[in-house]
Amino acid sequence: MIKKRGAPKKPPGEVKTGTIQVRVTDGEREAIESAATSQGTTVSKWACDVLMRAAKRATKR
């Protein structure tokens, strides 16, 4: 039996397939990358977390 490499597959509800593109200046990108790095995460994860918190706040109003 050949062992598969890589992480195990996620259940259908956990798979992320959508993307959002945002244009930023070099300075904005540096600030975003710095914030993500300071929290020990990727830019993608950091941005998703920040956007989801903002979306939840906006929909509570």
Protein backbone atom coordinates (compact mmCIF):
# COMPACT_ATOMS: atom_id res chain seq x y z
CA MET A 1 0.00 0.00 0.00
CA ILE A 2 1.37 3.40 -1.01
CA LYS A 3 1.00 6.11 1.60
CA LYS A 4 -0.43 9.42 0.42
CA ARG A 5 1.60 12.55 1.02
CA GLY A 6 0.37 15.85 2.36
CA ALA A 7 -2.37 16.88 4.71
CA PRO A 8 -5.59 14.89 4.93
CA LYS A 9 -8.53 16.16 2.89
CA LYS A 10 -10.98 18.45 4.66
CA PRO A 11 -14.72 17.81 4.81
CA PRO A 12 -16.72 19.63 2.09
CA GLY A 13 -17.93 22.36 4.48
CA GLU A 14 -14.38 23.31 5.46
CA VAL A 15 -12.82 23.55 1.99
CA LYS A 16 -12.13 27.16 0.99
CA THR A 17 -12.52 27.71 -2.74
CA GLY A 18 -13.43 31.41 -3.04
CA THR A 19 -10.96 34.23 -3.48
CA ILE A 20 -11.10 38.00 -3.03
CA GLN A 21 -8.58 40.26 -4.72
CA VAL A 22 -7.79 43.61 -3.14
CA ARG A 23 -5.51 46.23 -4.63
CA VAL A 24 -3.18 47.86 -2.10
CA THR A 25 -0.21 50.20 -2.21
CA ASP A 26 3.26 48.93 -1.40
CA GLY A 27 3.00 50.59 2.01
CA GLU A 28 -0.38 49.00 2.74
CA ARG A 29 0.95 45.59 1.74
CA GLU A 30 3.97 46.00 4.01
CA ALA A 31 1.69 46.97 6.92
CA ILE A 32 -0.59 43.98 6.28
CA GLU A 33 2.34 41.57 6.00
CA SER A 34 3.85 43.00 9.19
CA ALA A 35 0.56 42.59 11.08
CA ALA A 36 0.20 38.99 9.91
CA THR A 37 3.80 38.16 10.76
CA SER A 38 3.51 39.72 14.22
CA GLN A 39 0.57 37.41 14.91
CA GLY A 40 2.44 34.39 13.58
CA THR A 41 0.07 33.73 10.69
CA THR A 42 -0.15 34.07 6.92
CA VAL A 43 -1.45 37.18 5.18
CA SER A 44 -4.37 35.16 3.84
CA LYS A 45 -5.40 33.84 7.28
CA TRP A 46 -4.89 37.23 8.92
CA ALA A 47 -6.94 39.04 6.26
CA CYS A 48 -9.73 36.46 6.43
CA ASP A 49 -9.92 36.76 10.23
CA VAL A 50 -10.00 40.58 10.10
CA LEU A 51 -12.60 40.66 7.33
CA MET A 52 -14.85 38.12 9.07
CA ARG A 53 -14.78 40.13 12.33
CA ALA A 54 -15.67 43.29 10.38
CA ALA A 55 -18.46 41.50 8.50
CA LYS A 56 -19.98 40.19 11.73
CA ARG A 57 -19.87 43.67 13.31
CA ALA A 58 -21.43 45.24 10.22
CA THR A 59 -24.30 42.76 10.09
CA LYS A 60 -25.17 43.20 13.79
CA ARG A 61 -26.22 46.82 13.22
